[in-house]
Structure formats: C-alpha cells, structure tokens
PDB file of N, CA and C in Angstrom:
ATOM      1  N   MET A   1     111.051 309.910 151.653  1.00  0.00           N
ATOM      2  CA  MET A   1     112.400 310.192 152.080  1.00  0.00           C
ATOM      3  C   MET A   1     113.176 308.877 152.157  1.00  0.00           C
ATOM      4  N   SER A   2     114.310 308.832 151.546  1.00  0.00           N
ATOM      5  CA  SER A   2     115.147 307.643 151.654  1.00  0.00           C
ATOM      6  C   SER A   2     116.303 307.890 152.602  1.00  0.00           C
ATOM      7  N   ARG A   3     116.788 306.803 153.156  1.00  0.00           N
ATOM      8  CA  ARG A   3     117.928 306.854 154.075  1.00  0.00           C
ATOM      9  C   ARG A   3     118.988 305.876 153.590  1.00  0.00           C
ATOM     10  N   THR A   4     120.185 306.171 153.940  1.00  0.00           N
ATOM     11  CA  THR A   4     121.290 305.281 153.608  1.00  0.00           C
ATOM     12  C   THR A   4     121.696 304.521 154.861  1.00  0.00           C
ATOM     13  N   VAL A   5     121.817 303.226 154.724  1.00  0.00           N
ATOM     14  CA  VAL A   5     122.247 302.374 155.829  1.00  0.00           C
ATOM     15  C   VAL A   5     123.524 301.677 155.379  1.00  0.00           C
ATOM     16  N   GLU A   6     124.563 301.801 156.175  1.00  0.00           N
ATOM     17  CA  GLU A   6     125.824 301.136 155.847  1.00  0.00           C
ATOM     18  C   GLU A   6     125.855 299.761 156.499  1.00  0.00           C
ATOM     19  N   LEU A   7     126.214 298.763 155.707  1.00  0.00           N
ATOM     20  CA  LEU A   7     126.333 297.390 156.190  1.00  0.00           C
ATOM     21  C   LEU A   7     127.774 296.940 156.017  1.00  0.00           C
ATOM     22  N   SER A   8     128.246 296.159 156.947  1.00  0.00           N
ATOM     23  CA  SER A   8     129.582 295.581 156.774  1.00  0.00           C
ATOM     24  C   SER A   8     129.526 294.602 155.601  1.00  0.00           C
ATOM     25  N   ASP A   9     130.668 294.356 155.008  1.00  0.00           N
ATOM     26  CA  ASP A   9     130.724 293.396 153.905  1.00  0.00           C
ATOM     27  C   ASP A   9     130.248 292.020 154.353  1.00  0.00           C
ATOM     28  N   ASP A  10     130.598 291.649 155.584  1.00  0.00           N
ATOM     29  CA  ASP A  10     130.195 290.349 156.123  1.00  0.00           C
ATOM     30  C   ASP A  10     128.674 290.233 156.217  1.00  0.00           C
ATOM     31  N   LEU A  11     128.022 291.276 156.742  1.00  0.00           N
ATOM     32  CA  LEU A  11     126.563 291.239 156.864  1.00  0.00           C
ATOM     33  C   LEU A  11     125.905 291.258 155.491  1.00  0.00           C
ATOM     34  N   ALA A  12     126.422 292.061 154.573  1.00  0.00           N
ATOM     35  CA  ALA A  12     125.867 292.094 153.216  1.00  0.00           C
ATOM     36  C   ALA A  12     125.981 290.717 152.562  1.00  0.00           C
ATOM     37  N   ASP A  13     127.113 290.047 152.768  1.00  0.00           N
ATOM     38  CA  ASP A  13     127.280 288.691 152.227  1.00  0.00           C
ATOM     39  C   ASP A  13     126.273 287.727 152.842  1.00  0.00           C
ATOM     40  N   ARG A  14     126.041 287.857 154.146  1.00  0.00           N
ATOM     41  CA  ARG A  14     125.062 286.992 154.818  1.00  0.00           C
ATOM     42  C   ARG A  14     123.661 287.235 154.262  1.00  0.00           C
ATOM     43  N   LEU A  15     123.306 288.496 154.028  1.00  0.00           N
ATOM     44  CA  LEU A  15     121.999 288.805 153.446  1.00  0.00           C
ATOM     45  C   LEU A  15     121.889 288.195 152.052  1.00  0.00           C
ATOM     46  N   ASP A  16     122.954 288.315 151.269  1.00  0.00           N
ATOM     47  CA  ASP A  16     122.946 287.762 149.914  1.00  0.00           C
ATOM     48  C   ASP A  16     122.718 286.255 149.914  1.00  0.00           C
ATOM     49  N   GLU A  17     123.217 285.566 150.926  1.00  0.00           N
ATOM     50  CA  GLU A  17     123.049 284.111 151.007  1.00  0.00           C
ATOM     51  C   GLU A  17     121.592 283.713 151.209  1.00  0.00           C
ATOM     52  N   HIS A  18     120.793 284.590 151.800  1.00  0.00           N
ATOM     53  CA  HIS A  18     119.419 284.238 152.160  1.00  0.00           C
ATOM     54  C   HIS A  18     118.356 284.792 151.215  1.00  0.00           C
ATOM     55  N   ARG A  19     118.682 285.821 150.469  1.00  0.00           N
ATOM     56  CA  ARG A  19     117.644 286.426 149.627  1.00  0.00           C
ATOM     57  C   ARG A  19     117.519 285.702 148.291  1.00  0.00           C
ATOM     58  N   ALA A  20     116.338 285.828 147.698  1.00  0.00           N
ATOM     59  CA  ALA A  20     116.084 285.211 146.399  1.00  0.00           C
ATOM     60  C   ALA A  20     116.947 285.899 145.339  1.00  0.00           C
ATOM     61  N   GLU A  21     117.203 285.193 144.248  1.00  0.00           N
ATOM     62  CA  GLU A  21     118.090 285.700 143.207  1.00  0.00           C
ATOM     63  C   GLU A  21     117.649 287.051 142.651  1.00  0.00           C
ATOM     64  N   ASP A  22     116.347 287.248 142.481  1.00  0.00           N
ATOM     65  CA  ASP A  22     115.846 288.493 141.897  1.00  0.00           C
ATOM     66  C   ASP A  22     115.382 289.492 142.958  1.00  0.00           C
ATOM     67  N   GLU A  23     115.690 289.243 144.224  1.00  0.00           N
ATOM     68  CA  GLU A  23     115.234 290.080 145.334  1.00  0.00           C
ATOM     69  C   GLU A  23     116.351 291.044 145.749  1.00  0.00           C
ATOM     70  N   SER A  24     116.006 292.328 145.887  1.00  0.00           N
ATOM     71  CA  SER A  24     116.996 293.307 146.337  1.00  0.00           C
ATOM     72  C   SER A  24     117.178 293.188 147.850  1.00  0.00           C
ATOM     73  N   ILE A  25     118.267 293.750 148.349  1.00  0.00           N
ATOM     74  CA  ILE A  25     118.488 293.753 149.800  1.00  0.00           C
ATOM     75  C   ILE A  25     117.360 294.519 150.481  1.00  0.00           C
ATOM     76  N   GLU A  26     116.909 295.620 149.862  1.00  0.00           N
ATOM     77  CA  GLU A  26     115.806 296.399 150.439  1.00  0.00           C
ATOM     78  C   GLU A  26     114.540 295.551 150.559  1.00  0.00           C
ATOM     79  N   GLU A  27     114.216 294.792 149.524  1.00  0.00           N
ATOM     80  CA  GLU A  27     113.035 293.928 149.567  1.00  0.00           C
ATOM     81  C   GLU A  27     113.173 292.856 150.650  1.00  0.00           C
ATOM     82  N   PHE A  28     114.372 292.302 150.783  1.00  0.00           N
ATOM     83  CA  PHE A  28     114.614 291.271 151.788  1.00  0.00           C
ATOM     84  C   PHE A  28     114.443 291.832 153.196  1.00  0.00           C
ATOM     85  N   ILE A  29     115.000 293.012 153.450  1.00  0.00           N
ATOM     86  CA  ILE A  29     114.871 293.640 154.768  1.00  0.00           C
ATOM     87  C   ILE A  29     113.412 293.975 155.056  1.00  0.00           C
ATOM     88  N   GLU A  30     112.686 294.451 154.047  1.00  0.00           N
ATOM     89  CA  GLU A  30     111.259 294.735 154.234  1.00  0.00           C
ATOM     90  C   GLU A  30     110.504 293.465 154.632  1.00  0.00           C
ATOM     91  N   GLU A  31     110.844 292.350 154.014  1.00  0.00           N
ATOM     92  CA  GLU A  31     110.211 291.073 154.357  1.00  0.00           C
ATOM     93  C   GLU A  31     110.519 290.687 155.810  1.00  0.00           C
ATOM     94  N   LEU A  32     111.762 290.881 156.236  1.00  0.00           N
ATOM     95  CA  LEU A  32     112.132 290.590 157.624  1.00  0.00           C
ATOM     96  C   LEU A  32     111.348 291.458 158.605  1.00  0.00           C
ATOM     97  N   VAL A  33     111.221 292.747 158.297  1.00  0.00           N
ATOM     98  CA  VAL A  33     110.468 293.657 159.168  1.00  0.00           C
ATOM     99  C   VAL A  33     109.011 293.227 159.230  1.00  0.00           C
ATOM    100  N   ASN A  34     108.434 292.840 158.104  1.00  0.00           N
ATOM    101  CA  ASN A  34     107.045 292.373 158.089  1.00  0.00           C
ATOM    102  C   ASN A  34     106.867 291.155 158.990  1.00  0.00           C
ATOM    103  N   ILE A  35     107.814 290.232 158.941  1.00  0.00           N
ATOM    104  CA  ILE A  35     107.742 289.040 159.792  1.00  0.00           C
ATOM    105  C   ILE A  35     107.804 289.441 161.259  1.00  0.00           C
ATOM    106  N   TYR A  36     108.726 290.319 161.620  1.00  0.00           N
ATOM    107  CA  TYR A  36     108.847 290.771 163.007  1.00  0.00           C
ATOM    108  C   TYR A  36     107.572 291.465 163.468  1.00  0.00           C
ATOM    109  N   GLU A  37     106.974 292.280 162.597  1.00  0.00           N
ATOM    110  CA  GLU A  37     105.734 292.973 162.967  1.00  0.00           C
ATOM    111  C   GLU A  37     104.591 291.983 163.170  1.00  0.00           C
ATOM    112  N   GLN A  38     104.484 290.982 162.306  1.00  0.00           N
ATOM    113  CA  GLN A  38     103.422 289.984 162.425  1.00  0.00           C
ATOM    114  C   GLN A  38     103.557 289.186 163.714  1.00  0.00           C
ATOM    115  N   GLU A  39     104.773 288.920 164.121  1.00  0.00           N
ATOM    116  CA  GLU A  39     105.004 288.136 165.335  1.00  0.00           C
ATOM    117  C   GLU A  39     104.958 288.996 166.589  1.00  0.00           C
ATOM    118  N   GLY A  40     104.838 290.312 166.426  1.00  0.00           N
ATOM    119  CA  GLY A  40     104.788 291.204 167.574  1.00  0.00           C
ATOM    120  C   GLY A  40     106.132 291.408 168.239  1.00  0.00           C
ATOM    121  N   ARG A  41     107.198 291.088 167.546  1.00  0.00           N
ATOM    122  CA  ARG A  41     108.536 291.175 168.139  1.00  0.00           C
ATOM    123  C   ARG A  41     108.937 292.612 168.448  1.00  0.00           C
ATOM    124  N   PHE A  42     108.459 293.589 167.673  1.00  0.00           N
ATOM    125  CA  PHE A  42     108.839 294.977 167.919  1.00  0.00           C
ATOM    126  C   PHE A  42     108.144 295.548 169.143  1.00  0.00           C
ATOM    127  N   SER A  43     107.126 294.864 169.641  1.00  0.00           N
ATOM    128  CA  SER A  43     106.438 295.348 170.841  1.00  0.00           C
ATOM    129  C   SER A  43     107.036 294.760 172.116  1.00  0.00           C
ATOM    130  N   ASP A  44     108.016 293.857 171.971  1.00  0.00           N
ATOM    131  CA  ASP A  44     108.677 293.277 173.145  1.00  0.00           C
ATOM    132  C   ASP A  44     109.504 294.335 173.862  1.00  0.00           C
ATOM    133  N   PRO A  45     109.497 294.332 175.193  1.00  0.00           N
ATOM    134  CA  PRO A  45     110.349 295.272 175.920  1.00  0.00           C
ATOM    135  C   PRO A  45     111.820 295.036 175.583  1.00  0.00           C
ATOM    136  N   GLY A  46     112.557 296.114 175.496  1.00  0.00           N
ATOM    137  CA  GLY A  46     113.980 296.010 175.225  1.00  0.00           C
ATOM    138  C   GLY A  46     114.351 296.050 173.760  1.00  0.00           C
ATOM    139  N   LEU A  47     113.377 296.098 172.858  1.00  0.00           N
ATOM    140  CA  LEU A  47     113.699 296.190 171.429  1.00  0.00           C
ATOM    141  C   LEU A  47     113.610 297.611 170.973  1.00  0.00           C
TER     142      LEU A  47
END
C-alpha cells in the first residue's frame, strides 16, 4: 500500500539539497528513518 505525503516547496527544496543526485526523495527519507531506528530515536518518549 502506498501513501501520499504532501511536502511544502521549502521542505522539498531542503531535501533536494541533501540527497544524492541519483537518489529519490523516497530513498532519502527511508535512509533517514533507518538512521533514527538504529539510534533508537523512535523509542524516545514524546516521539
């Protein structure tokens, strides 16, 4: 199942500044989630 997420133009531009040239926004976000999971950030209270 896929979902649509709306991003502001400003946030999309910020993502574009950080991702690799051949990397999609979806791939970049997946990488960010993987980093957060590895660091245990999603298990912190309040997230």
